[in-house]
Amino acid sequence: MATVISGLWNIGYGDSFDQTRLKALPPGSFYTEPAGRTHFAQTGDEAVVLQITGIGPSSTIYVDPAQDPRKLRKSD
């Protein structure tokens, strides 16, 4: 479960980013990320603070492994 503390958080569900499926969540909103369901998110120029809670085990699996920020090469 995630709660939007500040900023505007846009969340959508599906295997690929789709602007038309985003739902804008202002501060005070909350949502869940169901197990096994893929999702995507977007922010704007404003910083966003989320509070994420849950009961494990938990994991993150990227639909496109090339988008995994843990594997992206950092620029010099």
PDB file of N, CA and C in Angstrom:
ATOM      1  N   MET A   1       0.851  -1.166   0.000  1.00  0.00           N
ATOM      2  CA  MET A   1       0.000   0.000   0.000  1.00  0.00           C
ATOM      3  C   MET A   1       0.895   1.226   0.000  1.00  0.00           C
ATOM      4  N   ALA A   2       0.496   2.240  -0.739  1.00  0.00           N
ATOM      5  CA  ALA A   2       1.270   3.490  -0.802  1.00  0.00           C
ATOM      6  C   ALA A   2       0.348   4.665  -0.534  1.00  0.00           C
ATOM      7  N   THR A   3       0.866   5.644   0.204  1.00  0.00           N
ATOM      8  CA  THR A   3       0.151   6.877   0.495  1.00  0.00           C
ATOM      9  C   THR A   3       0.955   8.036  -0.075  1.00  0.00           C
ATOM     10  N   VAL A   4       0.287   8.934  -0.784  1.00  0.00           N
ATOM     11  CA  VAL A   4       0.949  10.120  -1.333  1.00  0.00           C
ATOM     12  C   VAL A   4       1.004  11.166  -0.221  1.00  0.00           C
ATOM     13  N   ILE A   5       2.200  11.494   0.219  1.00  0.00           N
ATOM     14  CA  ILE A   5       2.402  12.477   1.282  1.00  0.00           C
ATOM     15  C   ILE A   5       2.405  13.885   0.692  1.00  0.00           C
ATOM     16  N   SER A   6       3.135  14.067  -0.407  1.00  0.00           N
ATOM     17  CA  SER A   6       3.156  15.374  -1.075  1.00  0.00           C
ATOM     18  C   SER A   6       3.440  15.176  -2.556  1.00  0.00           C
ATOM     19  N   GLY A   7       3.048  16.158  -3.350  1.00  0.00           N
ATOM     20  CA  GLY A   7       3.254  16.091  -4.789  1.00  0.00           C
ATOM     21  C   GLY A   7       2.111  15.370  -5.484  1.00  0.00           C
ATOM     22  N   LEU A   8       2.221  15.239  -6.792  1.00  0.00           N
ATOM     23  CA  LEU A   8       1.205  14.573  -7.598  1.00  0.00           C
ATOM     24  C   LEU A   8       1.808  13.309  -8.195  1.00  0.00           C
ATOM     25  N   TRP A   9       1.289  12.165  -7.804  1.00  0.00           N
ATOM     26  CA  TRP A   9       1.765  10.853  -8.243  1.00  0.00           C
ATOM     27  C   TRP A   9       0.766  10.301  -9.257  1.00  0.00           C
ATOM     28  N   ASN A  10       1.262   9.869 -10.394  1.00  0.00           N
ATOM     29  CA  ASN A  10       0.419   9.297 -11.444  1.00  0.00           C
ATOM     30  C   ASN A  10       0.736   7.813 -11.559  1.00  0.00           C
ATOM     31  N   ILE A  11      -0.265   6.960 -11.411  1.00  0.00           N
ATOM     32  CA  ILE A  11      -0.069   5.509 -11.414  1.00  0.00           C
ATOM     33  C   ILE A  11      -1.006   4.879 -12.433  1.00  0.00           C
ATOM     34  N   GLY A  12      -0.526   3.845 -13.086  1.00  0.00           N
ATOM     35  CA  GLY A  12      -1.342   3.092 -14.035  1.00  0.00           C
ATOM     36  C   GLY A  12      -0.954   1.623 -13.985  1.00  0.00           C
ATOM     37  N   TYR A  13      -1.824   0.765 -14.468  1.00  0.00           N
ATOM     38  CA  TYR A  13      -1.570  -0.671 -14.466  1.00  0.00           C
ATOM     39  C   TYR A  13      -1.499  -1.197 -15.886  1.00  0.00           C
ATOM     40  N   GLY A  14      -0.559  -2.097 -16.143  1.00  0.00           N
ATOM     41  CA  GLY A  14      -0.364  -2.697 -17.452  1.00  0.00           C
ATOM     42  C   GLY A  14       1.105  -3.016 -17.666  1.00  0.00           C
ATOM     43  N   ASP A  15       1.394  -3.720 -18.773  1.00  0.00           N
ATOM     44  CA  ASP A  15       2.765  -4.155 -19.053  1.00  0.00           C
ATOM     45  C   ASP A  15       3.634  -3.097 -19.720  1.00  0.00           C
ATOM     46  N   SER A  16       3.023  -2.022 -20.214  1.00  0.00           N
ATOM     47  CA  SER A  16       3.802  -0.953 -20.832  1.00  0.00           C
ATOM     48  C   SER A  16       3.173   0.390 -20.493  1.00  0.00           C
ATOM     49  N   PHE A  17       4.021   1.413 -20.496  1.00  0.00           N
ATOM     50  CA  PHE A  17       3.547   2.747 -20.144  1.00  0.00           C
ATOM     51  C   PHE A  17       2.475   3.196 -21.124  1.00  0.00           C
ATOM     52  N   ASP A  18       1.371   3.700 -20.586  1.00  0.00           N
ATOM     53  CA  ASP A  18       0.259   4.195 -21.393  1.00  0.00           C
ATOM     54  C   ASP A  18      -0.298   5.432 -20.702  1.00  0.00           C
ATOM     55  N   GLN A  19       0.011   6.588 -21.261  1.00  0.00           N
ATOM     56  CA  GLN A  19      -0.406   7.870 -20.679  1.00  0.00           C
ATOM     57  C   GLN A  19      -1.907   7.893 -20.390  1.00  0.00           C
ATOM     58  N   THR A  20      -2.710   7.269 -21.235  1.00  0.00           N
ATOM     59  CA  THR A  20      -4.167   7.318 -21.085  1.00  0.00           C
ATOM     60  C   THR A  20      -4.657   6.493 -19.903  1.00  0.00           C
ATOM     61  N   ARG A  21      -3.809   5.624 -19.350  1.00  0.00           N
ATOM     62  CA  ARG A  21      -4.220   4.778 -18.226  1.00  0.00           C
ATOM     63  C   ARG A  21      -3.768   5.320 -16.877  1.00  0.00           C
ATOM     64  N   LEU A  22      -3.089   6.469 -16.886  1.00  0.00           N
ATOM     65  CA  LEU A  22      -2.613   7.056 -15.633  1.00  0.00           C
ATOM     66  C   LEU A  22      -3.766   7.653 -14.838  1.00  0.00           C
ATOM     67  N   LYS A  23      -3.700   7.481 -13.536  1.00  0.00           N
ATOM     68  CA  LYS A  23      -4.641   8.116 -12.621  1.00  0.00           C
ATOM     69  C   LYS A  23      -3.828   9.030 -11.718  1.00  0.00           C
ATOM     70  N   ALA A  24      -4.205  10.314 -11.667  1.00  0.00           N
ATOM     71  CA  ALA A  24      -3.490  11.295 -10.855  1.00  0.00           C
ATOM     72  C   ALA A  24      -3.921  11.177  -9.396  1.00  0.00           C
ATOM     73  N   LEU A  25      -2.939  11.029  -8.511  1.00  0.00           N
ATOM     74  CA  LEU A  25      -3.211  10.907  -7.082  1.00  0.00           C
ATOM     75  C   LEU A  25      -2.570  12.075  -6.335  1.00  0.00           C
ATOM     76  N   PRO A  26      -3.379  12.987  -5.795  1.00  0.00           N
ATOM     77  CA  PRO A  26      -2.851  14.128  -5.044  1.00  0.00           C
ATOM     78  C   PRO A  26      -2.495  13.709  -3.613  1.00  0.00           C
ATOM     79  N   PRO A  27      -1.868  14.610  -2.843  1.00  0.00           N
ATOM     80  CA  PRO A  27      -1.540  14.303  -1.448  1.00  0.00           C
ATOM     81  C   PRO A  27      -2.769  13.804  -0.685  1.00  0.00           C
ATOM     82  N   GLY A  28      -2.544  12.787   0.145  1.00  0.00           N
ATOM     83  CA  GLY A  28      -3.620  12.182   0.928  1.00  0.00           C
ATOM     84  C   GLY A  28      -4.224  10.962   0.255  1.00  0.00           C
ATOM     85  N   SER A  29      -3.914  10.749  -1.021  1.00  0.00           N
ATOM     86  CA  SER A  29      -4.419   9.575  -1.737  1.00  0.00           C
ATOM     87  C   SER A  29      -3.639   8.330  -1.334  1.00  0.00           C
ATOM     88  N   PHE A  30      -4.251   7.176  -1.533  1.00  0.00           N
ATOM     89  CA  PHE A  30      -3.529   5.927  -1.331  1.00  0.00           C
ATOM     90  C   PHE A  30      -3.975   4.929  -2.387  1.00  0.00           C
ATOM     91  N   TYR A  31      -3.116   3.937  -2.614  1.00  0.00           N
ATOM     92  CA  TYR A  31      -3.417   2.886  -3.584  1.00  0.00           C
ATOM     93  C   TYR A  31      -2.662   1.624  -3.201  1.00  0.00           C
ATOM     94  N   THR A  32      -3.022   0.519  -3.839  1.00  0.00           N
ATOM     95  CA  THR A  32      -2.336  -0.744  -3.611  1.00  0.00           C
ATOM     96  C   THR A  32      -1.726  -1.232  -4.918  1.00  0.00           C
ATOM     97  N   GLU A  33      -0.713  -2.014  -4.801  1.00  0.00           N
ATOM     98  CA  GLU A  33      -0.091  -2.676  -5.936  1.00  0.00           C
ATOM     99  C   GLU A  33      -0.325  -4.170  -5.746  1.00  0.00           C
ATOM    100  N   PRO A  34      -1.358  -4.700  -6.385  1.00  0.00           N
ATOM    101  CA  PRO A  34      -1.675  -6.120  -6.200  1.00  0.00           C
ATOM    102  C   PRO A  34      -0.525  -7.025  -6.638  1.00  0.00           C
ATOM    103  N   ALA A  35      -0.329  -8.113  -5.935  1.00  0.00           N
ATOM    104  CA  ALA A  35       0.728  -9.074  -6.260  1.00  0.00           C
ATOM    105  C   ALA A  35       0.562  -9.578  -7.685  1.00  0.00           C
ATOM    106  N   GLY A  36       1.662  -9.610  -8.419  1.00  0.00           N
ATOM    107  CA  GLY A  36       1.665 -10.162  -9.763  1.00  0.00           C
ATOM    108  C   GLY A  36       1.083  -9.257 -10.835  1.00  0.00           C
ATOM    109  N   ARG A  37       0.694  -8.050 -10.487  1.00  0.00           N
ATOM    110  CA  ARG A  37       0.112  -7.118 -11.468  1.00  0.00           C
ATOM    111  C   ARG A  37       1.132  -6.032 -11.788  1.00  0.00           C
ATOM    112  N   THR A  38       1.433  -5.866 -13.061  1.00  0.00           N
ATOM    113  CA  THR A  38       2.425  -4.865 -13.450  1.00  0.00           C
ATOM    114  C   THR A  38       1.823  -3.466 -13.392  1.00  0.00           C
ATOM    115  N   HIS A  39       2.690  -2.512 -13.141  1.00  0.00           N
ATOM    116  CA  HIS A  39       2.240  -1.129 -13.035  1.00  0.00           C
ATOM    117  C   HIS A  39       3.342  -0.189 -13.505  1.00  0.00           C
ATOM    118  N   PHE A  40       2.986   1.062 -13.718  1.00  0.00           N
ATOM    119  CA  PHE A  40       3.929   2.095 -14.111  1.00  0.00           C
ATOM    120  C   PHE A  40       3.514   3.384 -13.425  1.00  0.00           C
ATOM    121  N   ALA A  41       4.461   4.321 -13.323  1.00  0.00           N
ATOM    122  CA  ALA A  41       4.171   5.580 -12.633  1.00  0.00           C
ATOM    123  C   ALA A  41       4.877   6.719 -13.345  1.00  0.00           C
ATOM    124  N   GLN A  42       4.396   7.929 -13.057  1.00  0.00           N
ATOM    125  CA  GLN A  42       4.993   9.118 -13.644  1.00  0.00           C
ATOM    126  C   GLN A  42       4.865  10.274 -12.656  1.00  0.00           C
ATOM    127  N   THR A  43       5.879  11.126 -12.635  1.00  0.00           N
ATOM    128  CA  THR A  43       5.822  12.363 -11.863  1.00  0.00           C
ATOM    129  C   THR A  43       6.091  13.521 -12.808  1.00  0.00           C
ATOM    130  N   GLY A  44       5.884  14.728 -12.319  1.00  0.00           N
ATOM    131  CA  GLY A  44       6.180  15.925 -13.105  1.00  0.00           C
ATOM    132  C   GLY A  44       7.403  16.614 -12.553  1.00  0.00           C
ATOM    133  N   ASP A  45       7.423  17.922 -12.649  1.00  0.00           N
ATOM    134  CA  ASP A  45       8.556  18.707 -12.156  1.00  0.00           C
ATOM    135  C   ASP A  45       8.580  18.816 -10.637  1.00  0.00           C
ATOM    136  N   GLU A  46       7.437  18.614 -10.005  1.00  0.00           N
ATOM    137  CA  GLU A  46       7.314  18.723  -8.550  1.00  0.00           C
ATOM    138  C   GLU A  46       7.772  17.421  -7.877  1.00  0.00           C
ATOM    139  N   ALA A  47       8.517  17.553  -6.781  1.00  0.00           N
ATOM    140  CA  ALA A  47       8.943  16.374  -6.019  1.00  0.00           C
ATOM    141  C   ALA A  47       7.724  15.655  -5.446  1.00  0.00           C
ATOM    142  N   VAL A  48       7.823  14.331  -5.349  1.00  0.00           N
ATOM    143  CA  VAL A  48       6.749  13.507  -4.791  1.00  0.00           C
ATOM    144  C   VAL A  48       7.323  12.707  -3.633  1.00  0.00           C
ATOM    145  N   VAL A  49       6.586  12.674  -2.523  1.00  0.00           N
ATOM    146  CA  VAL A  49       6.964  11.855  -1.379  1.00  0.00           C
ATOM    147  C   VAL A  49       5.867  10.808  -1.180  1.00  0.00           C
ATOM    148  N   LEU A  50       6.273   9.524  -1.167  1.00  0.00           N
ATOM    149  CA  LEU A  50       5.354   8.410  -0.934  1.00  0.00           C
ATOM    150  C   LEU A  50       5.730   7.702   0.345  1.00  0.00           C
ATOM    151  N   GLN A  51       4.739   7.152   1.017  1.00  0.00           N
ATOM    152  CA  GLN A  51       4.974   6.255   2.140  1.00  0.00           C
ATOM    153  C   GLN A  51       4.488   4.893   1.673  1.00  0.00           C
ATOM    154  N   ILE A  52       5.404   3.932   1.587  1.00  0.00           N
ATOM    155  CA  ILE A  52       5.057   2.597   1.100  1.00  0.00           C
ATOM    156  C   ILE A  52       5.182   1.607   2.249  1.00  0.00           C
ATOM    157  N   THR A  53       4.124   0.843   2.461  1.00  0.00           N
ATOM    158  CA  THR A  53       4.120  -0.172   3.508  1.00  0.00           C
ATOM    159  C   THR A  53       3.630  -1.489   2.927  1.00  0.00           C
ATOM    160  N   GLY A  54       3.982  -2.574   3.564  1.00  0.00           N
ATOM    161  CA  GLY A  54       3.519  -3.869   3.095  1.00  0.00           C
ATOM    162  C   GLY A  54       4.016  -4.993   3.985  1.00  0.00           C
ATOM    163  N   ILE A  55       3.561  -6.165   3.664  1.00  0.00           N
ATOM    164  CA  ILE A  55       3.972  -7.374   4.360  1.00  0.00           C
ATOM    165  C   ILE A  55       4.648  -8.263   3.329  1.00  0.00           C
ATOM    166  N   GLY A  56       5.871  -8.693   3.619  1.00  0.00           N
ATOM    167  CA  GLY A  56       6.670  -9.454   2.659  1.00  0.00           C
ATOM    168  C   GLY A  56       6.302 -10.908   2.604  1.00  0.00           C
ATOM    169  N   PRO A  57       6.945 -11.640   1.750  1.00  0.00           N
ATOM    170  CA  PRO A  57       8.066 -11.170   0.939  1.00  0.00           C
ATOM    171  C   PRO A  57       7.582 -10.296  -0.207  1.00  0.00           C
ATOM    172  N   SER A  58       8.507  -9.506  -0.727  1.00  0.00           N
ATOM    173  CA  SER A  58       8.195  -8.591  -1.815  1.00  0.00           C
ATOM    174  C   SER A  58       9.366  -8.560  -2.783  1.00  0.00           C
ATOM    175  N   SER A  59       9.094  -8.206  -4.026  1.00  0.00           N
ATOM    176  CA  SER A  59      10.168  -8.101  -5.007  1.00  0.00           C
ATOM    177  C   SER A  59       9.749  -7.134  -6.103  1.00  0.00           C
ATOM    178  N   THR A  60      10.721  -6.744  -6.896  1.00  0.00           N
ATOM    179  CA  THR A  60      10.474  -5.919  -8.069  1.00  0.00           C
ATOM    180  C   THR A  60      11.057  -6.638  -9.268  1.00  0.00           C
ATOM    181  N   ILE A  61      10.223  -6.898 -10.259  1.00  0.00           N
ATOM    182  CA  ILE A  61      10.662  -7.533 -11.502  1.00  0.00           C
ATOM    183  C   ILE A  61      10.270  -6.596 -12.638  1.00  0.00           C
ATOM    184  N   TYR A  62      11.237  -6.151 -13.421  1.00  0.00           N
ATOM    185  CA  TYR A  62      10.979  -5.228 -14.511  1.00  0.00           C
ATOM    186  C   TYR A  62      10.510  -5.990 -15.743  1.00  0.00           C
ATOM    187  N   VAL A  63       9.427  -5.519 -16.385  1.00  0.00           N
ATOM    188  CA  VAL A  63       8.929  -6.136 -17.611  1.00  0.00           C
ATOM    189  C   VAL A  63      10.035  -6.106 -18.658  1.00  0.00           C
ATOM    190  N   ASP A  64      10.736  -4.979 -18.754  1.00  0.00           N
ATOM    191  CA  ASP A  64      11.877  -4.830 -19.652  1.00  0.00           C
ATOM    192  C   ASP A  64      13.119  -4.734 -18.781  1.00  0.00           C
ATOM    193  N   PRO A  65      13.891  -5.810 -18.674  1.00  0.00           N
ATOM    194  CA  PRO A  65      15.074  -5.789 -17.803  1.00  0.00           C
ATOM    195  C   PRO A  65      16.046  -4.659 -18.110  1.00  0.00           C
ATOM    196  N   ALA A  66      16.028  -4.151 -19.328  1.00  0.00           N
ATOM    197  CA  ALA A  66      16.926  -3.047 -19.678  1.00  0.00           C
ATOM    198  C   ALA A  66      16.550  -1.766 -18.948  1.00  0.00           C
ATOM    199  N   GLN A  67      15.338  -1.678 -18.406  1.00  0.00           N
ATOM    200  CA  GLN A  67      14.887  -0.500 -17.675  1.00  0.00           C
ATOM    201  C   GLN A  67      15.169  -0.582 -16.173  1.00  0.00           C
ATOM    202  N   ASP A  68      15.748  -1.673 -15.725  1.00  0.00           N
ATOM    203  CA  ASP A  68      16.061  -1.853 -14.308  1.00  0.00           C
ATOM    204  C   ASP A  68      17.153  -0.858 -13.909  1.00  0.00           C
ATOM    205  N   PRO A  69      16.839   0.122 -13.052  1.00  0.00           N
ATOM    206  CA  PRO A  69      17.845   1.138 -12.706  1.00  0.00           C
ATOM    207  C   PRO A  69      19.061   0.552 -11.998  1.00  0.00           C
ATOM    208  N   ARG A  70      18.949  -0.625 -11.427  1.00  0.00           N
ATOM    209  CA  ARG A  70      20.112  -1.240 -10.782  1.00  0.00           C
ATOM    210  C   ARG A  70      21.125  -1.699 -11.811  1.00  0.00           C
ATOM    211  N   LYS A  71      20.706  -1.844 -13.074  1.00  0.00           N
ATOM    212  CA  LYS A  71      21.593  -2.338 -14.124  1.00  0.00           C
ATOM    213  C   LYS A  71      21.979  -1.267 -15.126  1.00  0.00           C
ATOM    214  N   LEU A  72      21.394  -0.067 -15.002  1.00  0.00           N
ATOM    215  CA  LEU A  72      21.721   1.004 -15.940  1.00  0.00           C
ATOM    216  C   LEU A  72      23.135   1.506 -15.683  1.00  0.00           C
ATOM    217  N   ARG A  73      23.861   1.727 -16.758  1.00  0.00           N
ATOM    218  CA  ARG A  73      25.226   2.220 -16.648  1.00  0.00           C
ATOM    219  C   ARG A  73      25.202   3.719 -16.362  1.00  0.00           C
ATOM    220  N   LYS A  74      25.964   4.135 -15.403  1.00  0.00           N
ATOM    221  CA  LYS A  74      26.027   5.553 -15.041  1.00  0.00           C
ATOM    222  C   LYS A  74      26.972   6.275 -15.992  1.00  0.00           C
ATOM    223  N   SER A  75      26.570   7.493 -16.387  1.00  0.00           N
ATOM    224  CA  SER A  75      27.409   8.318 -17.254  1.00  0.00           C
ATOM    225  C   SER A  75      28.587   8.879 -16.471  1.00  0.00           C
ATOM    226  N   ASP A  76      29.670   9.090 -17.153  1.00  0.00           N
ATOM    227  CA  ASP A  76      30.863   9.661 -16.480  1.00  0.00           C
ATOM    228  C   ASP A  76      30.666  11.144 -16.280  1.00  0.00           C
TER     229      ASP A  76
END
